[in-house]
Amino acid sequence: MNELVRRLRVGRASGDRGVAIVAALAVVMLVGIMLAVVVDIAMSEARQTGRDRQRSSGVAVAEGAVDSAVARIQSAPPGALGAVCGNLPTSADVAADDFTVTTTVTYYNAAGAVVDCSALTTTKVAQASIVSRARSNSVNGAAPAQRTVETLLKLTPSVGLDKAIFANSTMTMSNNAKVTAQSGKPEANIYTNGDFYCLNNQEFHGSILAPKGSIYLESQCTVIVDAWAKGEIKVTNPKASIGGRALSYTSTVTLGSAALGQQARAAGQVTGDVCATSGKCFSNDPTVPAPPVEPFPELLWNATAQAAWAAEGYTNVVNIPGTYTVQKSDGSTAAVDFPCGWYTGPDLAGPPQANGTPTTLKLAGKADGAAAWLWANGWKLPGPTVLAVNCASSKVTIQENYDLQLNSDLVIVTRGGLSFTQQSIIKAVDGTATATDPALLYMIQPVMWESETVTCNGYGIELNNQVTVQNTVNTLLYSPCPIHKANNSDITGQVYSGQAVAVDNKFDMKYVPMPVPAGALNPTGAAGILSYSVDVLYKREGL
């Protein structure tokens, strides 16, 4: 009996051991399945979290690219917009994620037509569309995240003239010239669409830009900032210096013993003593950018331009030829004819002298009709005035000893040009203006008079020997024709010529930008546009 019980117990124990193994295997399998499910859920959550992170980061990256493009467009001149146009591929790293970013910038004119990137320097634009797409790398085999942000900008042009001297052809500075900025900053830039020649003892507190020509610095010529040309830059005197960069887009830079503040780069060879310093000179450089080309801004004279000046306060308009009542030198008044060509009328009374008696000057045979009227009336203008001289074949002319006094701002818009010579002084009436609050004088020969193109007859504007504009008057000299500034001449303001500019001995200029109403400029292009201000019409996430 005991033996039977013992055997039964042993058999049961052996059977239990088999069941335990099966149970253990079942538990292991169950744990494995649960672990696999947990891992799969964790990996799925990780993928989803990573993708959500990439999607959020992608929106931020795309929006950042849009904002960057907007910032580059804001206040950029038309010549710089080409670099912010078309497809602009970039990349970005956000934590562990890498993004490829493609930003597309498209410009439109006022009619809604697309403006080609190559036409932005000559075509006025009204809007810009920016679309930025950010595409992430793949996380754990998941599809890349792609997000898009888009915006539409309204572009409003800021119109004006921003160069100290602008020549649409060759510019020659002969001797003893100094061009600075009244602000004290190195911003008195000189621009030419031809070649630039500095012949002797010149100092320019800004950059020299020759996007269609070359730059030649001879003798003691100092450029405080950059010399930047399409063609060659050639310095032939050891006393010459360039404080910034020397850049040649298509040709060579020859510096000799001249000093250079920064780097010289050229598509061809760069030579000079400074090249012995490592990192100073770079020859055969394909990355040299082209200097921005700017068209000559076109000032007009027509009903629209007159209205634009009137909106700025120039409501008093005097037309020559014309007949006006003036005071004669004997104290009487009379209606006097002021013709095109030489003035032949009576002697006129001018500004009062210290003792109160009027100045008298024999103007017949020495001044044209417009200059005679100006001498007799410039010192007592009723307010900002336009003197419109519709004389196609004769200039506003003074031959000698002419002191023009102004008591208000004046625009001389002359169809035939202007010529002042020999010991003439232009100044503000005492007590009416100062160097810090000057009178404004515009000497403008417009590109077009009404619907007719102005014809050049020699120099458009010439200020010959010892013609000085005192620092109580800021002046713009503007003509589509050549401009000549002769010996012993000073000016505060700007010079703009549609052809060549020639400056002779002893010229001292202080650059001050002169305000010009937008309506006086030819509206059919980018000429005269300094930059664009930006208004965001919308910014949103796209598809």
Protein backbone atom coordinates (compact mmCIF):
# COMPACT_ATOMS: atom_id res chain seq x y z
CA MET A 1 0.00 0.00 0.00
CA ASN A 2 2.73 2.41 0.90
CA GLU A 3 4.60 1.49 -2.20
CA LEU A 4 1.54 2.26 -4.35
CA VAL A 5 1.14 5.71 -2.80
CA ARG A 6 4.80 6.47 -3.31
CA ARG A 7 4.60 5.62 -7.00
CA LEU A 8 1.51 7.70 -7.54
CA ARG A 9 3.21 10.72 -5.96
CA VAL A 10 6.27 10.32 -8.16
CA GLY A 11 4.13 10.12 -11.30
CA ARG A 12 2.24 13.27 -10.34
CA ALA A 13 5.46 15.16 -9.75
CA SER A 14 6.82 14.22 -13.13
CA GLY A 15 3.60 15.42 -14.81
CA ASP A 16 3.75 18.73 -12.93
CA ARG A 17 7.22 19.36 -14.21
CA GLY A 18 5.97 19.22 -17.86
CA VAL A 19 3.11 21.57 -17.20
CA ALA A 20 5.43 24.13 -15.60
CA ILE A 21 7.61 24.21 -18.66
CA VAL A 22 4.63 24.82 -20.88
CA ALA A 23 3.34 27.50 -18.54
CA ALA A 24 6.73 29.17 -18.42
CA LEU A 25 6.97 29.20 -22.20
CA ALA A 26 3.50 30.69 -22.40
CA VAL A 27 4.43 33.45 -19.99
CA VAL A 28 7.62 34.23 -21.94
CA MET A 29 5.68 34.41 -25.19
CA LEU A 30 3.07 36.62 -23.62
CA VAL A 31 5.72 38.95 -22.22
CA GLY A 32 7.42 39.01 -25.63
CA ILE A 33 4.22 39.88 -27.37
CA MET A 34 3.49 42.60 -24.83
CA LEU A 35 7.04 43.93 -25.19
CA ALA A 36 6.76 43.97 -28.97
CA VAL A 37 3.48 45.84 -28.72
CA VAL A 38 4.98 48.32 -26.27
CA VAL A 39 8.06 48.83 -28.49
CA ASP A 40 5.88 49.23 -31.57
CA ILE A 41 3.70 51.73 -29.77
CA ALA A 42 6.79 53.57 -28.52
CA MET A 43 8.35 53.63 -31.98
CA SER A 44 5.08 54.79 -33.52
CA GLU A 45 4.79 57.51 -30.92
CA ALA A 46 8.42 58.48 -31.50
CA ARG A 47 7.84 58.67 -35.24
CA GLN A 48 4.70 60.69 -34.74
CA THR A 49 6.38 62.96 -32.22
CA GLY A 50 9.37 63.43 -34.52
CA ARG A 51 7.13 64.17 -37.47
CA ASP A 52 5.07 66.62 -35.42
CA ARG A 53 8.30 68.24 -34.31
CA GLN A 54 9.52 68.46 -37.90
CA ARG A 55 6.20 69.87 -39.05
CA SER A 56 6.33 72.57 -36.39
CA SER A 57 9.98 73.27 -37.09
CA GLY A 58 9.27 73.28 -40.83
CA VAL A 59 6.69 76.05 -40.45
CA ALA A 60 9.15 78.08 -38.38
CA VAL A 61 11.97 77.50 -40.88
CA ALA A 62 9.78 78.42 -43.87
CA GLU A 63 8.47 81.52 -42.10
CA GLY A 64 12.02 82.52 -41.18
CA ALA A 65 13.04 82.25 -44.85
CA VAL A 66 10.08 84.43 -45.85
CA ASP A 67 10.96 87.02 -43.21
CA SER A 68 14.58 87.02 -44.37
CA ALA A 69 13.52 87.69 -47.97
CA VAL A 70 11.19 90.48 -46.83
CA ALA A 71 14.05 92.08 -44.88
CA ARG A 72 16.31 91.93 -47.95
CA ILE A 73 13.66 93.57 -50.14
CA GLN A 74 12.85 96.26 -47.57
CA SER A 75 14.79 99.44 -48.42
CA ALA A 76 16.82 97.68 -51.16
CA PRO A 77 17.67 99.69 -54.29
CA PRO A 78 16.38 98.28 -57.61
CA GLY A 79 19.91 97.14 -58.50
CA ALA A 80 19.96 94.82 -55.47
CA LEU A 81 16.57 93.18 -56.05
CA GLY A 82 17.98 90.77 -58.65
CA ALA A 83 19.74 88.92 -55.81
CA VAL A 84 16.35 88.43 -54.12
CA CYS A 85 14.47 87.08 -57.14
CA GLY A 86 13.56 83.66 -58.51
CA ASN A 87 14.44 80.43 -56.68
CA LEU A 88 16.68 80.91 -53.66
CA PRO A 89 17.73 77.49 -52.26
CA THR A 90 19.08 77.40 -48.70
CA SER A 91 19.38 74.92 -45.85
CA ALA A 92 18.73 75.02 -42.12
CA ASP A 93 19.47 72.87 -39.08
CA VAL A 94 16.99 72.79 -36.20
CA ALA A 95 18.19 70.57 -33.34
CA ALA A 96 18.48 67.05 -34.85
CA ASP A 97 16.57 67.92 -38.01
CA ASP A 98 17.97 69.06 -41.32
CA PHE A 99 15.80 71.12 -43.68
CA THR A 100 16.15 71.97 -47.34
CA VAL A 101 14.52 75.34 -47.94
CA THR A 102 13.46 76.70 -51.33
CA THR A 103 12.24 80.28 -51.43
CA THR A 104 10.71 81.64 -54.63
CA VAL A 105 10.36 85.42 -55.05
CA THR A 106 8.27 86.80 -57.91
CA TYR A 107 7.76 90.49 -58.71
CA TYR A 108 4.78 92.08 -60.47
CA ASN A 109 4.22 95.47 -62.09
CA ALA A 110 1.17 97.65 -61.47
CA ALA A 111 -0.78 95.76 -64.15
CA GLY A 112 -0.14 92.42 -62.43
CA ALA A 113 2.32 91.12 -65.01
CA VAL A 114 5.39 89.22 -63.84
CA VAL A 115 8.62 91.25 -64.02
CA ASP A 116 11.69 89.26 -65.03
CA CYS A 117 14.59 89.24 -62.58
CA SER A 118 16.86 90.83 -65.20
CA ALA A 119 14.47 93.79 -65.64
CA LEU A 120 14.24 94.94 -62.03
CA THR A 121 16.74 97.78 -62.53
CA THR A 122 14.64 99.30 -65.32
CA THR A 123 11.07 98.37 -64.40
CA LYS A 124 9.08 99.74 -61.50
CA VAL A 125 7.44 96.96 -59.49
CA ALA A 126 4.29 97.13 -57.38
CA GLN A 127 4.08 93.76 -55.60
CA ALA A 128 6.21 90.77 -54.65
CA SER A 129 5.12 87.23 -53.88
CA ILE A 130 7.32 85.08 -51.62
CA VAL A 131 6.72 81.33 -51.26
CA SER A 132 9.04 79.33 -49.00
CA ARG A 133 8.99 75.50 -48.76
CA ALA A 134 10.90 73.70 -46.00
CA ARG A 135 11.43 69.94 -46.44
CA SER A 136 12.89 67.87 -43.59
CA ASN A 137 15.08 64.81 -43.54
CA SER A 138 13.41 61.41 -42.92
CA VAL A 139 13.03 60.25 -39.29
CA ASN A 140 12.87 56.48 -38.59
CA GLY A 141 11.68 55.74 -42.09
CA ALA A 142 8.80 58.21 -41.93
CA ALA A 143 8.04 60.44 -44.90
CA PRO A 144 9.80 63.85 -44.77
CA ALA A 145 7.74 66.73 -43.41
CA GLN A 146 7.13 69.59 -45.86
CA ARG A 147 5.64 72.91 -44.86
CA THR A 148 4.97 76.03 -46.93
CA VAL A 149 4.61 79.67 -45.91
CA GLU A 150 3.70 82.40 -48.39
CA THR A 151 3.27 86.16 -48.32
CA LEU A 152 2.27 88.96 -50.68
CA LEU A 153 3.94 92.36 -50.37
CA LYS A 154 2.90 95.78 -51.59
CA LEU A 155 6.00 97.69 -52.71
CA THR A 156 5.99 101.48 -52.56
CA PRO A 157 8.94 103.22 -54.23
CA SER A 158 10.97 105.82 -52.39
CA VAL A 159 11.93 108.29 -55.11
CA GLY A 160 14.90 110.62 -55.15
CA LEU A 161 18.52 111.09 -56.08
CA ASP A 162 21.13 109.47 -53.85
CA LYS A 163 24.51 110.07 -55.51
CA ALA A 164 26.83 113.02 -54.93
CA ILE A 165 27.71 113.05 -58.64
CA PHE A 166 26.04 110.96 -61.36
CA ALA A 167 27.34 110.89 -64.94
CA ASN A 168 25.70 108.81 -67.64
CA SER A 169 28.96 108.93 -69.57
CA THR A 170 32.63 109.69 -68.85
CA MET A 171 33.52 111.59 -65.68
CA THR A 172 36.76 113.55 -65.43
CA MET A 173 37.97 115.20 -62.23
CA SER A 174 40.99 117.28 -63.15
CA ASN A 175 42.70 118.85 -60.14
CA ASN A 176 42.23 119.82 -56.48
CA ALA A 177 38.75 118.43 -55.92
CA LYS A 178 37.31 117.31 -52.63
CA VAL A 179 33.91 115.63 -52.38
CA THR A 180 32.64 115.00 -48.86
CA ALA A 181 29.24 114.45 -47.24
CA GLN A 182 27.73 117.09 -45.03
CA SER A 183 26.67 114.30 -42.67
CA GLY A 184 30.32 113.47 -42.00
CA LYS A 185 29.73 109.87 -43.12
CA PRO A 186 31.60 108.29 -46.08
CA GLU A 187 28.48 108.36 -48.27
CA ALA A 188 29.40 110.87 -50.99
CA ASN A 189 29.27 108.20 -53.71
CA ILE A 190 30.18 108.96 -57.31
CA TYR A 191 28.56 106.98 -60.12
CA THR A 192 29.33 106.86 -63.83
CA ASN A 193 28.00 104.75 -66.70
CA GLY A 194 31.25 105.48 -68.52
CA ASP A 195 34.89 105.63 -67.38
CA PHE A 196 36.08 107.55 -64.35
CA TYR A 197 39.31 109.62 -64.41
CA CYS A 198 40.91 111.14 -61.35
CA LEU A 199 43.80 113.15 -62.73
CA ASN A 200 45.39 114.89 -59.77
CA ASN A 201 44.99 115.59 -56.05
CA GLN A 202 41.41 114.44 -55.48
CA GLU A 203 39.65 113.18 -52.36
CA PHE A 204 36.35 111.32 -52.42
CA HIS A 205 34.55 110.47 -49.18
CA GLY A 206 32.53 107.60 -50.60
CA SER A 207 32.77 104.95 -53.31
CA ILE A 208 33.50 105.25 -57.03
CA LEU A 209 31.13 103.05 -59.08
CA ALA A 210 31.64 102.40 -62.80
CA PRO A 211 29.33 99.48 -63.70
CA LYS A 212 29.87 99.92 -67.46
CA GLY A 213 33.42 101.25 -67.55
CA SER A 214 36.81 101.45 -65.86
CA ILE A 215 38.40 103.50 -63.08
CA TYR A 216 41.73 105.31 -63.48
CA LEU A 217 43.38 106.94 -60.47
CA GLU A 218 46.34 109.13 -61.30
CA SER A 219 48.54 111.20 -59.00
CA GLN A 220 47.35 111.75 -55.42
CA CYS A 221 43.80 110.40 -55.64
CA THR A 222 42.13 109.15 -52.48
CA VAL A 223 38.97 107.04 -52.41
CA ILE A 224 37.76 106.59 -48.84
CA VAL A 225 35.55 103.54 -49.53
CA ASP A 226 35.41 101.24 -52.62
CA ALA A 227 36.49 101.44 -56.25
CA TRP A 228 34.15 99.06 -58.10
CA ALA A 229 34.14 98.73 -61.89
CA LYS A 230 33.05 96.42 -64.67
CA GLY A 231 36.35 97.03 -66.48
CA GLU A 232 39.82 97.56 -65.15
CA ILE A 233 40.95 99.52 -62.12
CA LYS A 234 44.32 101.10 -62.69
CA VAL A 235 46.28 103.15 -60.16
CA THR A 236 49.41 104.84 -61.52
CA ASN A 237 50.70 106.86 -58.58
CA PRO A 238 52.11 105.60 -55.25
CA LYS A 239 50.32 108.40 -53.37
CA ALA A 240 46.91 107.17 -54.46
CA SER A 241 44.87 105.05 -52.09
CA ILE A 242 41.64 103.07 -51.84
CA GLY A 243 40.33 102.77 -48.29
CA GLY A 244 37.92 99.91 -48.97
CA ARG A 245 37.89 97.32 -51.75
CA ALA A 246 39.10 97.36 -55.35
CA LEU A 247 36.74 95.19 -57.42
CA SER A 248 36.85 94.46 -61.15
CA TYR A 249 33.98 92.36 -62.47
CA THR A 250 35.47 91.45 -65.89
CA SER A 251 39.05 92.75 -66.03
CA THR A 252 42.13 93.45 -63.90
CA VAL A 253 43.22 95.49 -60.89
CA THR A 254 46.61 97.20 -61.10
CA LEU A 255 47.59 98.92 -57.85
CA GLY A 256 51.33 99.53 -58.17
CA SER A 257 52.54 101.00 -54.88
CA ALA A 258 49.15 102.43 -53.89
CA ALA A 259 47.64 101.73 -50.48
CA LEU A 260 44.60 99.48 -50.10
CA GLY A 261 42.48 99.21 -46.98
CA GLN A 262 40.67 95.93 -47.62
CA GLN A 263 40.89 93.45 -50.52
CA ALA A 264 41.45 93.59 -54.26
CA ARG A 265 39.49 91.07 -56.32
CA ALA A 266 39.28 90.72 -60.09
CA ALA A 267 38.10 88.34 -62.79
CA GLY A 268 41.63 88.75 -64.21
CA GLN A 269 44.94 89.46 -62.55
CA VAL A 270 45.47 91.55 -59.43
CA THR A 271 48.92 93.10 -59.05
CA GLY A 272 50.45 95.56 -56.61
CA ASP A 273 52.82 95.85 -53.68
CA VAL A 274 49.98 95.14 -51.23
CA CYS A 275 49.61 91.67 -52.76
CA ALA A 276 52.70 90.60 -50.80
CA THR A 277 50.38 90.50 -47.77
CA SER A 278 48.51 87.21 -47.53
CA GLY A 279 44.75 87.44 -48.04
CA LYS A 280 44.93 90.85 -49.69
CA CYS A 281 44.70 90.11 -53.43
CA PHE A 282 42.58 87.55 -55.30
CA SER A 283 43.15 87.01 -59.03
CA ASN A 284 40.91 85.05 -61.40
CA ASP A 285 38.06 85.32 -58.93
CA PRO A 286 34.72 84.28 -60.51
CA THR A 287 32.78 85.44 -57.45
CA VAL A 288 33.38 89.18 -57.97
CA PRO A 289 29.87 90.66 -58.22
CA ALA A 290 28.88 93.02 -61.00
CA PRO A 291 28.40 96.59 -59.79
CA PRO A 292 24.70 97.51 -59.94
CA VAL A 293 23.75 99.41 -63.10
CA GLU A 294 21.49 102.41 -62.61
CA PRO A 295 19.74 104.27 -65.43
CA PHE A 296 19.81 108.05 -65.51
CA PRO A 297 16.76 109.31 -63.58
CA GLU A 298 14.59 111.43 -65.87
CA LEU A 299 13.19 114.71 -64.56
CA LEU A 300 10.37 116.12 -66.65
CA TRP A 301 8.51 119.40 -67.00
CA ASN A 302 4.82 119.05 -67.78
CA ALA A 303 1.51 119.56 -66.02
CA THR A 304 2.08 116.51 -63.81
CA ALA A 305 5.53 117.69 -62.77
CA GLN A 306 4.26 121.21 -62.08
CA ALA A 307 1.49 119.78 -59.89
CA ALA A 308 4.05 117.64 -58.05
CA TRP A 309 6.21 120.66 -57.26
CA ALA A 310 3.12 122.64 -56.28
CA ALA A 311 2.18 119.88 -53.83
CA GLU A 312 5.57 120.50 -52.18
CA GLY A 313 4.79 124.20 -51.77
CA TYR A 314 6.14 125.61 -55.07
CA THR A 315 2.87 127.31 -55.99
CA ASN A 316 4.35 130.54 -57.35
CA VAL A 317 5.23 129.94 -61.02
CA VAL A 318 6.92 132.56 -63.22
CA ASN A 319 7.08 131.88 -66.96
CA ILE A 320 9.79 133.24 -69.24
CA PRO A 321 9.41 134.74 -71.81
CA GLY A 322 6.95 137.08 -70.15
CA THR A 323 6.21 140.66 -69.15
CA TYR A 324 6.30 141.57 -65.45
CA THR A 325 6.09 144.75 -63.41
CA VAL A 326 9.40 145.44 -61.66
CA GLN A 327 11.24 148.32 -60.03
CA LYS A 328 13.72 150.18 -62.19
CA SER A 329 17.00 151.57 -60.90
CA ASP A 330 15.49 155.09 -60.69
CA GLY A 331 12.88 153.85 -58.21
CA SER A 332 9.94 153.83 -60.58
CA THR A 333 8.02 150.73 -61.56
CA ALA A 334 7.21 149.57 -65.05
CA ALA A 335 6.04 146.57 -67.01
CA VAL A 336 9.24 145.13 -68.50
CA ASP A 337 9.67 142.42 -71.13
CA PHE A 338 11.86 139.47 -70.13
CA PRO A 339 12.60 137.59 -73.36
CA CYS A 340 14.47 134.50 -74.43
CA GLY A 341 17.98 135.60 -75.32
CA TRP A 342 19.67 138.78 -74.15
CA TYR A 343 17.86 141.20 -71.89
CA THR A 344 17.63 144.64 -73.55
CA GLY A 345 15.38 146.51 -71.11
CA PRO A 346 16.14 149.25 -68.56
CA ASP A 347 18.46 148.97 -65.58
CA LEU A 348 16.68 147.30 -62.67
CA ALA A 349 16.76 147.67 -58.90
CA GLY A 350 18.11 144.70 -57.02
CA PRO A 351 18.62 143.76 -53.35
CA PRO A 352 19.03 146.75 -50.98
CA GLN A 353 22.51 147.73 -49.89
CA ALA A 354 23.58 148.33 -46.29
CA ASN A 355 22.45 151.97 -46.51
CA GLY A 356 19.00 150.91 -47.73
CA THR A 357 19.36 152.02 -51.32
CA PRO A 358 18.80 149.35 -53.97
CA THR A 359 21.67 147.70 -55.79
CA THR A 360 21.77 148.51 -59.47
CA LEU A 361 23.40 146.46 -62.18
CA LYS A 362 23.64 146.98 -65.92
CA LEU A 363 22.09 143.75 -67.17
CA ALA A 364 21.51 144.64 -70.82
CA GLY A 365 23.87 142.57 -72.96
CA LYS A 366 25.18 140.63 -69.91
CA ALA A 367 22.16 138.55 -68.90
CA ASP A 368 19.29 136.85 -70.63
CA GLY A 369 15.68 137.65 -69.76
CA ALA A 370 15.32 134.90 -67.11
CA ALA A 371 18.54 135.86 -65.30
CA ALA A 372 17.56 139.54 -65.36
CA TRP A 373 14.17 138.76 -63.79
CA LEU A 374 15.87 136.55 -61.21
CA TRP A 375 18.37 139.22 -60.19
CA ALA A 376 15.58 141.77 -59.70
CA ASN A 377 13.18 139.43 -57.88
CA GLY A 378 15.07 136.50 -56.31
CA TRP A 379 15.63 138.39 -53.06
CA LYS A 380 11.90 139.11 -52.56
CA LEU A 381 10.10 135.96 -53.70
CA PRO A 382 6.64 135.49 -52.11
CA GLY A 383 7.50 131.87 -51.24
CA PRO A 384 8.86 128.72 -52.91
CA THR A 385 8.94 129.55 -56.61
CA VAL A 386 9.34 127.87 -59.97
CA LEU A 387 11.02 129.90 -62.72
CA ALA A 388 9.99 128.05 -65.90
CA VAL A 389 12.13 129.17 -68.84
CA ASN A 390 10.68 127.92 -72.13
CA CYS A 391 13.58 128.98 -74.34
CA ALA A 392 14.66 126.07 -76.53
CA SER A 393 17.71 127.66 -78.14
CA SER A 394 19.08 129.94 -75.41
CA LYS A 395 20.42 129.40 -71.92
CA VAL A 396 19.70 131.20 -68.68
CA THR A 397 22.88 133.28 -68.90
CA ILE A 398 24.95 135.64 -66.78
CA GLN A 399 28.35 136.69 -68.05
CA GLU A 400 30.00 138.32 -65.03
CA ASN A 401 29.76 139.97 -61.59
CA TYR A 402 26.31 138.68 -60.75
CA ASP A 403 25.29 138.17 -57.14
CA LEU A 404 22.05 136.22 -56.93
CA GLN A 405 20.30 136.47 -53.56
CA LEU A 406 17.42 134.19 -52.58
CA ASN A 407 14.94 134.63 -49.77
CA SER A 408 13.09 131.37 -50.49
CA ASP A 409 13.46 128.00 -52.20
CA LEU A 410 13.67 128.20 -55.99
CA VAL A 411 13.38 125.77 -58.92
CA ILE A 412 14.87 127.03 -62.18
CA VAL A 413 13.59 124.67 -64.84
CA THR A 414 15.11 125.73 -68.16
CA ARG A 415 14.59 124.15 -71.54
CA GLY A 416 17.82 125.50 -73.05
CA GLY A 417 20.16 125.01 -70.07
CA LEU A 418 22.06 127.42 -67.85
CA SER A 419 25.41 129.22 -67.97
CA PHE A 420 26.90 131.33 -65.16
CA THR A 421 30.38 132.77 -65.58
CA GLN A 422 33.07 134.90 -63.91
CA GLN A 423 32.88 135.91 -60.26
CA SER A 424 29.23 135.21 -59.59
CA ILE A 425 27.98 134.43 -56.10
CA ILE A 426 24.74 132.67 -55.20
CA LYS A 427 23.63 133.12 -51.59
CA ALA A 428 20.65 133.45 -49.29
CA VAL A 429 19.42 136.84 -48.16
CA ASP A 430 20.88 137.55 -44.73
CA GLY A 431 18.68 136.18 -41.97
CA THR A 432 16.54 133.96 -44.22
CA ALA A 433 18.69 130.81 -44.21
CA THR A 434 21.72 129.26 -42.56
CA ALA A 435 24.12 126.42 -43.27
CA THR A 436 21.99 124.17 -41.06
CA ASP A 437 18.68 125.42 -42.48
CA PRO A 438 19.58 126.38 -46.06
CA ALA A 439 17.55 127.62 -48.98
CA LEU A 440 17.09 125.06 -51.77
CA LEU A 441 18.05 125.92 -55.35
CA TYR A 442 17.32 123.55 -58.24
CA MET A 443 18.96 124.20 -61.61
CA ILE A 444 17.12 121.71 -63.83
CA GLN A 445 17.27 121.21 -67.55
CA PRO A 446 14.57 118.53 -67.88
CA VAL A 447 14.79 115.52 -70.16
CA MET A 448 11.46 116.47 -71.71
CA TRP A 449 9.56 119.75 -71.89
CA GLU A 450 5.89 118.88 -72.21
CA SER A 451 5.96 116.23 -74.99
CA GLU A 452 9.22 117.36 -76.61
CA THR A 453 12.64 115.89 -75.89
CA VAL A 454 15.17 118.53 -74.85
CA THR A 455 18.02 118.96 -77.33
CA CYS A 456 21.57 119.43 -76.06
CA ASN A 457 23.49 122.47 -77.28
CA GLY A 458 26.95 122.01 -75.79
CA TYR A 459 26.95 121.97 -72.01
CA GLY A 460 23.53 121.76 -70.45
CA ILE A 461 24.74 123.48 -67.27
CA GLU A 462 28.04 125.26 -66.85
CA LEU A 463 29.30 127.13 -63.81
CA ASN A 464 32.50 128.68 -65.01
CA ASN A 465 35.40 130.42 -63.31
CA GLN A 466 34.82 131.59 -59.72
CA VAL A 467 31.11 130.82 -59.54
CA THR A 468 30.43 130.05 -55.90
CA VAL A 469 27.30 128.85 -54.18
CA GLN A 470 27.54 129.73 -50.49
CA ASN A 471 26.71 127.13 -47.86
CA THR A 472 23.42 128.86 -47.03
CA VAL A 473 22.08 127.44 -50.31
CA ASN A 474 21.89 123.74 -51.22
CA THR A 475 21.91 123.14 -54.97
CA LEU A 476 21.00 120.45 -57.48
CA LEU A 477 22.60 120.69 -60.92
CA TYR A 478 20.63 118.44 -63.27
CA SER A 479 20.75 118.09 -67.05
CA PRO A 480 20.47 115.32 -69.67
CA CYS A 481 23.37 117.12 -71.35
CA PRO A 482 27.03 117.46 -70.25
CA ILE A 483 27.74 119.47 -67.08
CA HIS A 484 30.88 121.55 -66.61
CA LYS A 485 32.07 122.88 -63.26
CA ALA A 486 35.07 125.14 -63.71
CA ASN A 487 37.84 126.68 -61.62
CA ASN A 488 37.35 127.86 -58.00
CA SER A 489 33.84 126.56 -57.52
CA ASP A 490 32.03 125.40 -54.40
CA ILE A 491 28.70 123.63 -54.08
CA THR A 492 26.60 121.89 -51.44
CA GLY A 493 24.17 119.43 -52.97
CA GLN A 494 24.29 117.11 -55.98
CA VAL A 495 25.29 116.95 -59.67
CA TYR A 496 23.38 114.75 -62.16
CA SER A 497 24.27 114.61 -65.86
CA GLY A 498 22.76 112.45 -68.60
CA GLN A 499 26.10 112.64 -70.43
CA ALA A 500 29.61 113.56 -69.26
CA VAL A 501 30.67 115.51 -66.18
CA ALA A 502 33.86 117.58 -66.25
CA VAL A 503 35.20 119.25 -63.11
CA ASP A 504 38.22 121.51 -63.37
CA ASN A 505 40.59 122.94 -60.77
CA LYS A 506 39.70 123.69 -57.12
CA PHE A 507 36.28 122.19 -56.64
CA ASP A 508 34.94 121.70 -53.12
CA MET A 509 31.65 119.84 -52.86
CA LYS A 510 29.60 118.71 -49.89
CA TYR A 511 27.02 116.07 -50.72
CA VAL A 512 23.49 116.60 -49.44
CA PRO A 513 20.55 114.71 -51.01
CA MET A 514 18.04 117.13 -52.54
CA PRO A 515 14.34 116.23 -52.20
CA VAL A 516 12.62 115.75 -55.56
CA PRO A 517 8.87 115.02 -55.83
CA ALA A 518 8.02 111.67 -57.40
CA GLY A 519 5.65 113.26 -59.91
CA ALA A 520 8.54 115.20 -61.49
CA LEU A 521 10.27 111.95 -62.47
CA ASN A 522 9.51 109.80 -65.49
CA PRO A 523 7.19 107.16 -64.02
CA THR A 524 7.89 104.47 -66.63
CA GLY A 525 10.88 102.84 -65.05
CA ALA A 526 13.01 102.30 -61.98
CA ALA A 527 15.19 105.36 -62.60
CA GLY A 528 15.13 107.61 -59.59
CA ILE A 529 13.79 104.92 -57.26
CA LEU A 530 16.06 104.71 -54.24
CA SER A 531 14.37 101.74 -52.61
CA TYR A 532 11.02 100.14 -51.88
CA SER A 533 9.10 100.25 -48.63
CA VAL A 534 7.14 97.08 -47.81
CA ASP A 535 3.57 96.51 -46.62
CA VAL A 536 2.55 92.89 -45.92
CA LEU A 537 -0.85 92.24 -47.52
CA TYR A 538 -0.99 88.72 -46.06
CA LYS A 539 1.23 85.96 -44.67
CA ARG A 540 -0.15 82.46 -44.30
CA GLU A 541 0.67 78.77 -44.33
CA GLY A 542 0.26 77.37 -47.81
CA LEU A 543 -0.36 73.93 -49.25
